[in-house]
Amino acid sequence: MTVSGPLDSVGANWARNRYLAVPRFKNVLAVLPVSDHAAAVAWYKQWIGRGPDVEPTEGVAEWPLAITLR
């Protein structure tokens, strides 16, 4: 790989190691605010095919959507 310019060593180093710099996530969480919680839970129940796995507090419903491999 040929890199030229004032950031030669930084740019070349990043290019070689860009795949090593990706963090390994343990969990990823998405928050989707809605105006009608009950209607949203009913819609997601139908879309996902099951009710929420966890409802930790009023107005919050959680569905794990992927298996965590360790």
Protein backbone atom coordinates (compact mmCIF):
# COMPACT_ATOMS: atom_id res chain seq x y z
CA MET A 1 0.00 0.00 0.00
CA THR A 2 1.30 3.44 -0.90
CA VAL A 3 0.30 6.44 1.16
CA SER A 4 1.60 9.93 0.58
CA GLY A 5 1.22 13.22 2.40
CA PRO A 6 1.92 14.58 5.87
CA LEU A 7 0.07 11.75 7.62
CA ASP A 8 1.88 8.90 5.83
CA SER A 9 2.64 6.81 8.91
CA VAL A 10 -0.73 7.48 10.58
CA GLY A 11 -2.69 6.81 7.40
CA ALA A 12 -0.76 3.66 6.53
CA ASN A 13 -1.03 2.37 10.09
CA TRP A 14 -4.79 2.96 10.14
CA ALA A 15 -5.22 1.27 6.77
CA ARG A 16 -3.33 -1.83 7.95
CA ASN A 17 -5.15 -2.04 11.27
CA ARG A 18 -8.64 -0.80 10.42
CA TYR A 19 -10.15 -4.25 10.91
CA LEU A 20 -8.42 -4.68 14.27
CA ALA A 21 -9.83 -1.38 15.56
CA VAL A 22 -13.47 -2.49 15.43
CA PRO A 23 -14.84 -2.77 18.97
CA ARG A 24 -16.36 -6.05 20.09
CA PHE A 25 -19.79 -5.17 21.37
CA LYS A 26 -21.33 -7.18 24.17
CA ASN A 27 -24.78 -5.62 23.75
CA VAL A 28 -26.46 -3.24 21.34
CA LEU A 29 -29.60 -1.41 22.36
CA ALA A 30 -32.03 0.53 20.20
CA VAL A 31 -34.57 2.88 21.76
CA LEU A 32 -37.68 3.71 19.79
CA PRO A 33 -39.80 6.41 21.46
CA VAL A 34 -43.53 6.08 20.75
CA SER A 35 -46.57 8.16 21.65
CA ASP A 36 -48.83 5.15 22.42
CA HIS A 37 -46.94 2.44 24.33
CA ALA A 38 -49.78 -0.10 24.37
CA ALA A 39 -50.37 0.21 20.61
CA ALA A 40 -46.62 -0.06 19.94
CA VAL A 41 -46.30 -3.21 22.09
CA ALA A 42 -49.25 -4.77 20.24
CA TRP A 43 -47.67 -3.90 16.87
CA TYR A 44 -44.24 -5.29 17.86
CA LYS A 45 -45.86 -8.45 19.30
CA GLN A 46 -47.39 -9.07 15.88
CA TRP A 47 -44.24 -8.16 13.94
CA ILE A 48 -41.78 -10.11 16.14
CA GLY A 49 -44.19 -12.96 16.83
CA ARG A 50 -44.09 -12.81 20.63
CA GLY A 51 -44.57 -10.45 23.52
CA PRO A 52 -41.71 -8.56 25.14
CA ASP A 53 -39.19 -10.68 27.03
CA VAL A 54 -38.73 -8.00 29.68
CA GLU A 55 -40.76 -5.00 30.85
CA PRO A 56 -38.36 -3.51 33.41
CA THR A 57 -40.40 -0.38 34.10
CA GLU A 58 -43.64 1.27 33.04
CA GLY A 59 -43.49 2.32 29.40
CA VAL A 60 -40.51 0.11 28.50
CA ALA A 61 -40.69 -3.20 26.64
CA GLU A 62 -37.62 -5.18 25.54
CA TRP A 63 -37.17 -7.89 22.92
CA PRO A 64 -33.72 -9.48 22.45
CA LEU A 65 -33.47 -10.01 18.69
CA ALA A 66 -30.17 -11.88 18.36
CA ILE A 67 -28.33 -14.64 20.15
CA THR A 68 -25.17 -13.56 21.95
CA LEU A 69 -22.21 -15.81 21.12
CA ARG A 70 -19.46 -15.82 23.72
